[in-house]
Protein backbone atom coordinates (compact mmCIF):
# COMPACT_ATOMS: atom_id res chain seq x y z
CA MET A 1 11.83 15.94 2.02
CA ALA A 2 12.09 13.45 4.87
CA ALA A 3 15.55 12.35 5.90
CA ASP A 4 15.08 8.62 6.49
CA PRO A 5 15.32 6.30 3.46
CA LEU A 6 11.95 4.63 3.94
CA SER A 7 10.13 7.97 4.02
CA ARG A 8 11.92 9.08 0.85
CA VAL A 9 10.88 5.86 -0.91
CA PHE A 10 7.23 6.12 0.10
CA SER A 11 7.19 9.82 -0.74
CA ALA A 12 8.64 9.13 -4.18
CA LEU A 13 6.06 6.42 -4.81
CA ALA A 14 3.18 8.66 -3.73
CA ASP A 15 2.96 10.06 -7.26
CA PRO A 16 1.08 7.87 -9.81
CA THR A 17 3.39 8.88 -12.68
CA ARG A 18 6.45 7.78 -10.72
CA ARG A 19 4.74 4.51 -9.72
CA ASP A 20 4.02 3.90 -13.38
CA MET A 21 7.64 4.59 -14.28
CA VAL A 22 8.78 2.13 -11.62
CA ALA A 23 6.39 -0.49 -13.02
CA ARG A 24 7.76 0.04 -16.51
CA LEU A 25 11.35 -0.10 -15.28
CA ALA A 26 10.56 -3.40 -13.55
CA VAL A 27 10.18 -4.85 -17.05
CA GLY A 28 13.50 -3.46 -18.22
CA ASP A 29 15.82 -0.46 -18.37
CA ALA A 30 14.74 2.55 -20.42
CA THR A 31 16.05 5.95 -21.42
CA VAL A 32 14.46 9.21 -20.32
CA ASN A 33 12.97 9.64 -23.81
CA GLU A 34 11.53 6.11 -23.72
CA LEU A 35 10.04 6.77 -20.30
CA ALA A 36 8.57 10.10 -21.49
CA GLU A 37 6.75 8.59 -24.50
CA PRO A 38 3.38 7.68 -22.94
CA TYR A 39 3.03 10.89 -20.94
CA ASP A 40 1.74 14.24 -22.10
CA VAL A 41 4.58 16.06 -20.33
CA THR A 42 7.98 17.36 -21.32
CA VAL A 43 11.16 15.33 -21.10
CA GLN A 44 12.28 17.82 -18.45
CA ALA A 45 9.23 16.95 -16.30
CA VAL A 46 10.05 13.24 -16.65
CA SER A 47 13.65 14.03 -15.67
CA LYS A 48 12.37 15.74 -12.51
CA HIS A 49 10.30 12.65 -11.64
CA LEU A 50 13.37 10.49 -12.22
CA ARG A 51 15.44 12.76 -9.96
CA VAL A 52 12.95 12.14 -7.13
CA LEU A 53 13.13 8.37 -7.75
CA GLU A 54 16.92 8.58 -7.91
CA ASP A 55 17.15 10.58 -4.65
CA ALA A 56 15.02 7.90 -2.99
CA GLY A 57 17.40 5.23 -4.27
CA LEU A 58 14.76 3.58 -6.45
CA VAL A 59 16.55 4.14 -9.76
CA SER A 60 20.03 4.76 -11.03
CA ARG A 61 21.37 5.98 -14.35
CA THR A 62 24.27 4.46 -16.16
CA ARG A 63 26.11 5.33 -19.36
CA GLU A 64 26.29 2.88 -22.25
CA ALA A 65 28.08 4.75 -25.05
CA GLN A 66 25.63 7.48 -26.08
CA ARG A 67 22.73 5.86 -24.25
CA ARG A 68 21.95 6.63 -20.58
CA PRO A 69 19.48 4.00 -19.43
CA VAL A 70 17.57 4.28 -16.18
CA HIS A 71 17.78 1.14 -14.05
CA LEU A 72 15.43 0.06 -11.26
CA GLU A 73 17.26 -0.63 -7.98
CA ALA A 74 15.33 -3.60 -6.65
CA LYS A 75 17.29 -3.73 -3.38
CA VAL A 76 15.38 -0.67 -2.15
CA PHE A 77 12.21 -2.74 -2.29
CA ASP A 78 13.71 -5.01 0.37
CA LEU A 79 13.56 -2.11 2.81
CA MET A 80 9.90 -1.51 2.01
CA THR A 81 9.10 -5.20 2.11
CA LYS A 82 10.62 -5.63 5.58
CA TRP A 83 8.65 -2.67 6.89
CA ILE A 84 5.37 -3.91 5.37
CA GLU A 85 5.93 -7.50 6.49
CA ARG A 86 6.43 -6.38 10.10
CA TYR A 87 2.97 -4.82 10.19
CA GLN A 88 1.50 -7.67 8.20
CA ARG A 89 2.74 -10.14 10.84
CA GLN A 90 1.21 -8.01 13.60
CA ALA A 91 -2.13 -7.86 11.78
CA GLU A 92 -2.07 -11.62 11.16
CA GLU A 93 -1.37 -12.22 14.86
CA ARG A 94 -4.40 -10.09 15.80
CA TYR A 95 -6.55 -12.10 13.37
CA ARG A 96 -5.22 -15.36 14.85
CA ARG A 97 -6.18 -14.20 18.34
CA LEU A 98 -9.61 -13.20 17.10
CA ASP A 99 -10.05 -16.59 15.41
CA ASP A 100 -9.04 -18.33 18.67
CA LEU A 101 -11.52 -16.25 20.62
CA LEU A 102 -14.32 -16.99 18.16
CA ARG A 103 -13.52 -20.72 18.24
CA SER A 104 -13.67 -20.70 22.05
CA MET A 105 -17.15 -19.23 22.07
CA PRO A 106 -20.03 -21.70 22.30
CA ASP A 107 -21.70 -22.46 18.99
CA GLU A 108 -25.23 -22.50 20.36
CA ARG A 109 -26.71 -19.90 22.55
CA GLU A 110 -29.66 -20.31 24.85
CA PRO A 111 -32.61 -18.63 23.24
CA SER A 112 -33.41 -15.48 25.07
CA PRO A 113 -36.95 -15.23 26.42
CA ARG A 114 -38.96 -13.33 23.93
CA ALA A 115 -41.54 -10.83 24.90
CA GLU A 116 -45.00 -11.71 23.70
CA PRO A 117 -45.81 -9.84 20.54
CA PRO A 118 -48.15 -6.95 21.11
CA GLU A 119 -51.78 -7.69 20.50
CA THR A 120 -52.74 -6.89 17.01
CA PRO A 121 -55.65 -4.55 16.82
CA THR A 122 -58.78 -5.99 15.32
CA PRO A 123 -59.60 -4.55 11.99
CA GLU A 124 -62.31 -1.98 12.11
CA THR A 125 -65.62 -3.04 10.80
CA PRO A 126 -65.77 -2.14 7.18
CA ALA A 127 -67.78 0.92 6.26
CA PRO A 128 -71.23 0.17 4.84
CA GLU A 129 -71.34 0.09 1.14
CA THR A 130 -72.72 3.20 -0.39
CA PRO A 131 -75.32 2.59 -3.03
CA ALA A 132 -74.43 3.54 -6.53
CA PRO A 133 -76.06 6.72 -7.74
CA GLU A 134 -79.28 6.12 -9.57
CA THR A 135 -79.46 6.99 -13.14
CA GLY A 136 -82.51 8.02 -15.00
CA ALA A 137 -85.44 10.37 -14.29
CA LEU A 138 -86.28 11.86 -10.98
CA ARG A 139 -89.26 10.46 -9.14
């Protein structure tokens, strides 16, 4: 796994199950068994997901008597937020420059000289009507 903290956080959040766990922990602390309930996986698999989140610094586990709740460490999101905001500011600045450029362009353009449309061919003279076959006796 990557060494820098930001890479560990993004790597941990790359998995949809772990993102779901983080979303649930944002509502409140939960035990491993509580976190495992909605998933069709073993408690051991959930524990492995939690270990990845814990190694990334996204969650911590505490002991309250017999209960060991998992707690979301919101301060790690500050690191992600700062990184995202930096690129968001750069993108917004590019959009501002584009807006300025578009505003500086004239609203009306001189119509470009159009080429005359090609002459339309005259419709061919319609074919003569063919008489309907005669019915009745031969003459």
